[in-house]
């Protein structure tokens, strides 16, 4: 096919890279908050924007703490393995999922990040997570993985339109989707995302 027709068949989208196991946890809908120390999700993307998730080549070294958090949340060892690995046909170095970003809030006090609700939503301990927390409203796997070299921060890529899932099929936002804040002590009350077994 000509280059013009291939351009018509692709779409330019924003993408960010995450390492395993957190990329898998995010794509499976278990990790419903992404934490960063920078403002990537407010400066390079905005609330309500749909972006792509790329899986980095490295494994993030958290000493297995994510497995402890999953166990505390009631996940069996088998379920924990399932949500921390990529499904068949997807691998590191690929764009694997499409997600809709929600609100970003800043929680500067470590003790406020150490609540069980927030630790379960981030799947990390409050002491090591970033202070900017971005809600993931919706997430869908791509129809197939798309090979791409990762880059720092938010970047753009051209991806075949045929690989993109239909985000309108996601009727409900991931459970715990709203920030419910009261007064000056605004603390998001969040639940771990819903995870459906196939």
C-alpha atoms as a PDB file:
ATOM      1  CA  UNK A   1       0.000   0.000   0.000  1.00  0.00           C
ATOM      2  CA  UNK A   2       1.117   3.568  -0.565  1.00  0.00           C
ATOM      3  CA  UNK A   3       2.533   5.685   2.245  1.00  0.00           C
ATOM      4  CA  UNK A   4      -0.495   7.994   2.119  1.00  0.00           C
ATOM      5  CA  UNK A   5      -2.925   5.119   2.702  1.00  0.00           C
ATOM      6  CA  UNK A   6      -0.776   3.786   5.567  1.00  0.00           C
ATOM      7  CA  UNK A   7      -0.842   7.248   7.168  1.00  0.00           C
ATOM      8  CA  UNK A   8      -4.619   7.278   6.898  1.00  0.00           C
ATOM      9  CA  UNK A   9      -4.734   3.912   8.656  1.00  0.00           C
ATOM     10  CA  UNK A  10      -2.714   5.136  11.641  1.00  0.00           C
ATOM     11  CA  UNK A  11      -3.422   7.652  14.361  1.00  0.00           C
ATOM     12  CA  UNK A  12      -1.034   9.841  16.363  1.00  0.00           C
ATOM     13  CA  UNK A  13      -1.455   9.319  20.105  1.00  0.00           C
ATOM     14  CA  UNK A  14       0.348  10.151  23.324  1.00  0.00           C
ATOM     15  CA  UNK A  15       2.099   7.274  25.056  1.00  0.00           C
ATOM     16  CA  UNK A  16       4.032   6.739  28.298  1.00  0.00           C
ATOM     17  CA  UNK A  17       6.222   3.856  29.384  1.00  0.00           C
ATOM     18  CA  UNK A  18       6.033   1.829  32.602  1.00  0.00           C
ATOM     19  CA  UNK A  19       8.054  -1.119  33.805  1.00  0.00           C
ATOM     20  CA  UNK A  20       6.699  -4.464  34.949  1.00  0.00           C
ATOM     21  CA  UNK A  21       4.931  -5.522  37.101  1.00  0.00           C
ATOM     22  CA  UNK A  22       3.146  -2.162  37.345  1.00  0.00           C
ATOM     23  CA  UNK A  23       2.415  -1.913  33.622  1.00  0.00           C
ATOM     24  CA  UNK A  24       0.524  -5.223  33.815  1.00  0.00           C
ATOM     25  CA  UNK A  25      -1.289  -4.183  37.007  1.00  0.00           C
ATOM     26  CA  UNK A  26      -2.397  -0.971  35.290  1.00  0.00           C
ATOM     27  CA  UNK A  27      -3.511  -2.697  32.081  1.00  0.00           C
ATOM     28  CA  UNK A  28      -5.439  -5.363  34.044  1.00  0.00           C
ATOM     29  CA  UNK A  29      -7.356  -2.603  35.844  1.00  0.00           C
ATOM     30  CA  UNK A  30      -5.977  -3.543  39.281  1.00  0.00           C
ATOM     31  CA  UNK A  31      -3.737  -0.478  39.654  1.00  0.00           C
ATOM     32  CA  UNK A  32      -6.205   2.421  39.445  1.00  0.00           C
ATOM     33  CA  UNK A  33      -3.870   5.223  40.511  1.00  0.00           C
ATOM     34  CA  UNK A  34      -0.573   6.075  38.839  1.00  0.00           C
ATOM     35  CA  UNK A  35       1.836   7.932  41.111  1.00  0.00           C
ATOM     36  CA  UNK A  36       4.658  10.173  39.941  1.00  0.00           C
ATOM     37  CA  UNK A  37       6.917  12.773  41.519  1.00  0.00           C
ATOM     38  CA  UNK A  38       6.654  14.901  38.384  1.00  0.00           C
ATOM     39  CA  UNK A  39       3.624  16.507  36.748  1.00  0.00           C
ATOM     40  CA  UNK A  40       3.699  14.449  33.534  1.00  0.00           C
ATOM     41  CA  UNK A  41      -0.033  13.720  33.681  1.00  0.00           C
ATOM     42  CA  UNK A  42      -0.988  17.370  34.091  1.00  0.00           C
ATOM     43  CA  UNK A  43       1.627  19.106  31.926  1.00  0.00           C
ATOM     44  CA  UNK A  44       1.857  16.665  28.994  1.00  0.00           C
ATOM     45  CA  UNK A  45      -1.694  15.278  29.128  1.00  0.00           C
ATOM     46  CA  UNK A  46      -4.964  16.416  30.620  1.00  0.00           C
ATOM     47  CA  UNK A  47      -7.872  14.926  32.538  1.00  0.00           C
ATOM     48  CA  UNK A  48     -10.158  12.941  30.231  1.00  0.00           C
ATOM     49  CA  UNK A  49      -7.431  12.353  27.635  1.00  0.00           C
ATOM     50  CA  UNK A  50      -6.945   8.879  26.163  1.00  0.00           C
ATOM     51  CA  UNK A  51      -3.301   7.757  26.063  1.00  0.00           C
ATOM     52  CA  UNK A  52      -1.372   4.568  25.339  1.00  0.00           C
ATOM     53  CA  UNK A  53       0.594   2.404  27.773  1.00  0.00           C
ATOM     54  CA  UNK A  54       4.014   1.094  26.721  1.00  0.00           C
ATOM     55  CA  UNK A  55       5.770  -1.665  28.683  1.00  0.00           C
ATOM     56  CA  UNK A  56       9.422  -0.982  29.416  1.00  0.00           C
ATOM     57  CA  UNK A  57      12.157  -3.610  29.243  1.00  0.00           C
ATOM     58  CA  UNK A  58      13.063  -3.490  32.925  1.00  0.00           C
ATOM     59  CA  UNK A  59      11.490  -5.022  36.001  1.00  0.00           C
ATOM     60  CA  UNK A  60      10.870  -2.422  38.704  1.00  0.00           C
ATOM     61  CA  UNK A  61      12.649  -3.553  41.901  1.00  0.00           C
ATOM     62  CA  UNK A  62      10.183  -3.148  44.778  1.00  0.00           C
ATOM     63  CA  UNK A  63      11.318  -6.224  46.702  1.00  0.00           C
ATOM     64  CA  UNK A  64       8.036  -8.012  46.012  1.00  0.00           C
ATOM     65  CA  UNK A  65       6.024  -5.500  48.053  1.00  0.00           C
ATOM     66  CA  UNK A  66       3.320  -5.377  45.351  1.00  0.00           C
ATOM     67  CA  UNK A  67       2.626  -9.077  46.004  1.00  0.00           C
ATOM     68  CA  UNK A  68       2.157  -8.347  49.724  1.00  0.00           C
ATOM     69  CA  UNK A  69      -0.337  -5.581  48.894  1.00  0.00           C
ATOM     70  CA  UNK A  70      -2.263  -7.871  46.538  1.00  0.00           C
ATOM     71  CA  UNK A  71      -2.355 -10.587  49.207  1.00  0.00           C
ATOM     72  CA  UNK A  72      -3.665  -8.073  51.763  1.00  0.00           C
ATOM     73  CA  UNK A  73      -6.386  -7.156  49.245  1.00  0.00           C
ATOM     74  CA  UNK A  74      -7.505 -10.799  49.023  1.00  0.00           C
ATOM     75  CA  UNK A  75      -5.787 -11.911  45.822  1.00  0.00           C
ATOM     76  CA  UNK A  76      -4.705 -15.548  45.720  1.00  0.00           C
ATOM     77  CA  UNK A  77      -1.178 -16.360  44.578  1.00  0.00           C
ATOM     78  CA  UNK A  78      -2.592 -17.549  41.234  1.00  0.00           C
ATOM     79  CA  UNK A  79      -4.626 -14.364  40.731  1.00  0.00           C
ATOM     80  CA  UNK A  80      -1.643 -12.211  41.747  1.00  0.00           C
ATOM     81  CA  UNK A  81       0.514 -13.946  39.131  1.00  0.00           C
ATOM     82  CA  UNK A  82      -2.175 -13.406  36.480  1.00  0.00           C
ATOM     83  CA  UNK A  83      -2.458  -9.644  37.057  1.00  0.00           C
ATOM     84  CA  UNK A  84       1.308  -9.062  37.246  1.00  0.00           C
ATOM     85  CA  UNK A  85       2.037 -10.741  33.908  1.00  0.00           C
ATOM     86  CA  UNK A  86       1.095  -9.806  30.356  1.00  0.00           C
ATOM     87  CA  UNK A  87      -1.459 -11.951  28.505  1.00  0.00           C
ATOM     88  CA  UNK A  88      -0.349 -14.226  25.694  1.00  0.00           C
ATOM     89  CA  UNK A  89       0.578 -12.202  22.613  1.00  0.00           C
ATOM     90  CA  UNK A  90       1.847  -9.192  24.574  1.00  0.00           C
ATOM     91  CA  UNK A  91       5.433  -8.592  25.692  1.00  0.00           C
ATOM     92  CA  UNK A  92       7.903  -6.027  27.015  1.00  0.00           C
ATOM     93  CA  UNK A  93       8.845  -3.340  24.513  1.00  0.00           C
ATOM     94  CA  UNK A  94       5.280  -3.040  23.196  1.00  0.00           C
ATOM     95  CA  UNK A  95       2.341  -0.705  23.515  1.00  0.00           C
ATOM     96  CA  UNK A  96      -0.241  -2.955  25.143  1.00  0.00           C
ATOM     97  CA  UNK A  97      -3.201  -0.886  26.349  1.00  0.00           C
ATOM     98  CA  UNK A  98      -5.201   2.306  25.961  1.00  0.00           C
ATOM     99  CA  UNK A  99      -6.436   4.231  28.984  1.00  0.00           C
ATOM    100  CA  UNK A 100      -8.423   7.292  29.918  1.00  0.00           C
ATOM    101  CA  UNK A 101      -6.827   9.580  32.475  1.00  0.00           C
ATOM    102  CA  UNK A 102      -8.770  11.068  35.349  1.00  0.00           C
ATOM    103  CA  UNK A 103      -8.007  13.777  37.853  1.00  0.00           C
ATOM    104  CA  UNK A 104      -4.523  14.308  39.288  1.00  0.00           C
ATOM    105  CA  UNK A 105      -4.151  15.378  42.909  1.00  0.00           C
ATOM    106  CA  UNK A 106      -1.068  16.124  44.971  1.00  0.00           C
ATOM    107  CA  UNK A 107      -0.606  14.472  48.372  1.00  0.00           C
ATOM    108  CA  UNK A 108       2.593  15.882  49.833  1.00  0.00           C
ATOM    109  CA  UNK A 109       2.309  14.295  53.280  1.00  0.00           C
ATOM    110  CA  UNK A 110       3.668  10.747  53.282  1.00  0.00           C
ATOM    111  CA  UNK A 111       1.344   9.673  56.110  1.00  0.00           C
ATOM    112  CA  UNK A 112      -1.686  10.624  53.962  1.00  0.00           C
ATOM    113  CA  UNK A 113      -0.363   8.410  51.149  1.00  0.00           C
ATOM    114  CA  UNK A 114       0.051   5.485  53.561  1.00  0.00           C
ATOM    115  CA  UNK A 115      -3.685   4.747  53.883  1.00  0.00           C
ATOM    116  CA  UNK A 116      -4.683   1.191  52.892  1.00  0.00           C
ATOM    117  CA  UNK A 117      -7.048   2.580  50.204  1.00  0.00           C
ATOM    118  CA  UNK A 118      -4.341   4.559  48.439  1.00  0.00           C
ATOM    119  CA  UNK A 119      -1.694   1.851  48.807  1.00  0.00           C
ATOM    120  CA  UNK A 120      -4.079  -0.693  47.260  1.00  0.00           C
ATOM    121  CA  UNK A 121      -4.992   1.636  44.373  1.00  0.00           C
ATOM    122  CA  UNK A 122      -1.322   2.424  43.596  1.00  0.00           C
ATOM    123  CA  UNK A 123      -0.164  -1.116  44.536  1.00  0.00           C
ATOM    124  CA  UNK A 124       2.797   0.454  46.331  1.00  0.00           C
ATOM    125  CA  UNK A 125       3.591   1.681  49.824  1.00  0.00           C
ATOM    126  CA  UNK A 126       3.027   5.331  50.613  1.00  0.00           C
ATOM    127  CA  UNK A 127       6.696   5.839  51.514  1.00  0.00           C
ATOM    128  CA  UNK A 128       7.889   4.999  47.976  1.00  0.00           C
ATOM    129  CA  UNK A 129       5.059   6.263  45.750  1.00  0.00           C
ATOM    130  CA  UNK A 130       5.116   9.649  44.043  1.00  0.00           C
ATOM    131  CA  UNK A 131       3.217  12.601  45.483  1.00  0.00           C
ATOM    132  CA  UNK A 132       1.150  13.244  42.335  1.00  0.00           C
ATOM    133  CA  UNK A 133      -1.621  10.645  41.994  1.00  0.00           C
ATOM    134  CA  UNK A 134      -3.511  10.312  38.708  1.00  0.00           C
ATOM    135  CA  UNK A 135      -6.743   8.336  38.486  1.00  0.00           C
ATOM    136  CA  UNK A 136      -7.094   5.838  35.657  1.00  0.00           C
ATOM    137  CA  UNK A 137     -10.766   5.965  34.675  1.00  0.00           C
ATOM    138  CA  UNK A 138     -10.872   3.320  31.961  1.00  0.00           C
ATOM    139  CA  UNK A 139      -8.429   0.841  30.465  1.00  0.00           C
ATOM    140  CA  UNK A 140      -8.604  -1.620  27.570  1.00  0.00           C
ATOM    141  CA  UNK A 141      -6.025  -3.980  26.060  1.00  0.00           C
ATOM    142  CA  UNK A 142      -5.054  -3.323  22.450  1.00  0.00           C
ATOM    143  CA  UNK A 143      -6.163  -5.938  19.935  1.00  0.00           C
ATOM    144  CA  UNK A 144      -2.465  -6.867  19.645  1.00  0.00           C
ATOM    145  CA  UNK A 145       0.819  -5.513  21.005  1.00  0.00           C
ATOM    146  CA  UNK A 146       2.676  -2.881  18.970  1.00  0.00           C
ATOM    147  CA  UNK A 147       6.507  -2.824  19.097  1.00  0.00           C
ATOM    148  CA  UNK A 148       7.974   0.546  19.997  1.00  0.00           C
ATOM    149  CA  UNK A 149      11.126   1.843  21.668  1.00  0.00           C
ATOM    150  CA  UNK A 150      10.225   3.481  24.952  1.00  0.00           C
ATOM    151  CA  UNK A 151      11.186   7.032  25.875  1.00  0.00           C
ATOM    152  CA  UNK A 152      11.064   9.046  29.117  1.00  0.00           C
ATOM    153  CA  UNK A 153       7.961  11.046  29.968  1.00  0.00           C
ATOM    154  CA  UNK A 154       4.978  11.414  27.665  1.00  0.00           C
ATOM    155  CA  UNK A 155       5.765  11.104  23.935  1.00  0.00           C
ATOM    156  CA  UNK A 156       3.783  10.571  20.746  1.00  0.00           C
ATOM    157  CA  UNK A 157       3.657   7.737  18.250  1.00  0.00           C
ATOM    158  CA  UNK A 158       1.737   6.684  15.157  1.00  0.00           C
ATOM    159  CA  UNK A 159      -0.181   3.484  15.790  1.00  0.00           C
ATOM    160  CA  UNK A 160      -2.393   1.481  13.395  1.00  0.00           C
ATOM    161  CA  UNK A 161      -6.026   2.374  14.023  1.00  0.00           C
ATOM    162  CA  UNK A 162      -6.935  -1.309  13.601  1.00  0.00           C
ATOM    163  CA  UNK A 163      -5.123  -2.159  16.872  1.00  0.00           C
ATOM    164  CA  UNK A 164      -7.120   0.279  19.003  1.00  0.00           C
ATOM    165  CA  UNK A 165     -10.007  -1.037  21.099  1.00  0.00           C
ATOM    166  CA  UNK A 166     -13.341   0.783  21.227  1.00  0.00           C
ATOM    167  CA  UNK A 167     -13.184   2.815  24.444  1.00  0.00           C
ATOM    168  CA  UNK A 168     -16.931   3.499  24.216  1.00  0.00           C
ATOM    169  CA  UNK A 169     -17.501  -0.178  25.073  1.00  0.00           C
ATOM    170  CA  UNK A 170     -16.297   0.578  28.612  1.00  0.00           C
ATOM    171  CA  UNK A 171     -19.562   1.666  30.201  1.00  0.00           C
ATOM    172  CA  UNK A 172     -18.485   1.875  33.841  1.00  0.00           C
ATOM    173  CA  UNK A 173     -15.437   3.595  35.132  1.00  0.00           C
ATOM    174  CA  UNK A 174     -13.127   1.442  37.225  1.00  0.00           C
ATOM    175  CA  UNK A 175     -14.558   1.090  40.731  1.00  0.00           C
ATOM    176  CA  UNK A 176     -13.471   3.788  43.113  1.00  0.00           C
ATOM    177  CA  UNK A 177     -13.462   6.181  40.153  1.00  0.00           C
ATOM    178  CA  UNK A 178     -14.472   9.322  42.021  1.00  0.00           C
ATOM    179  CA  UNK A 179     -12.359  11.496  44.261  1.00  0.00           C
ATOM    180  CA  UNK A 180     -14.598  12.175  47.256  1.00  0.00           C
ATOM    181  CA  UNK A 181     -13.051  14.981  49.234  1.00  0.00           C
ATOM    182  CA  UNK A 182     -14.327  16.566  52.429  1.00  0.00           C
ATOM    183  CA  UNK A 183     -13.201  19.941  53.733  1.00  0.00           C
ATOM    184  CA  UNK A 184      -9.519  20.721  54.094  1.00  0.00           C
ATOM    185  CA  UNK A 185      -8.511  17.135  54.839  1.00  0.00           C
ATOM    186  CA  UNK A 186      -9.135  16.055  51.258  1.00  0.00           C
ATOM    187  CA  UNK A 187      -8.328  12.363  51.226  1.00  0.00           C
ATOM    188  CA  UNK A 188      -9.416  10.270  48.243  1.00  0.00           C
ATOM    189  CA  UNK A 189     -11.326   7.185  49.273  1.00  0.00           C
ATOM    190  CA  UNK A 190     -10.388   4.616  46.700  1.00  0.00           C
ATOM    191  CA  UNK A 191     -10.881   0.926  46.221  1.00  0.00           C
ATOM    192  CA  UNK A 192      -8.747  -1.480  44.315  1.00  0.00           C
ATOM    193  CA  UNK A 193     -10.006  -1.710  40.767  1.00  0.00           C
ATOM    194  CA  UNK A 194     -12.307  -4.408  39.592  1.00  0.00           C
ATOM    195  CA  UNK A 195     -10.474  -7.290  37.961  1.00  0.00           C
ATOM    196  CA  UNK A 196     -12.379  -9.773  35.822  1.00  0.00           C
ATOM    197  CA  UNK A 197     -11.041 -13.275  35.409  1.00  0.00           C
ATOM    198  CA  UNK A 198     -11.257 -14.474  31.835  1.00  0.00           C
END
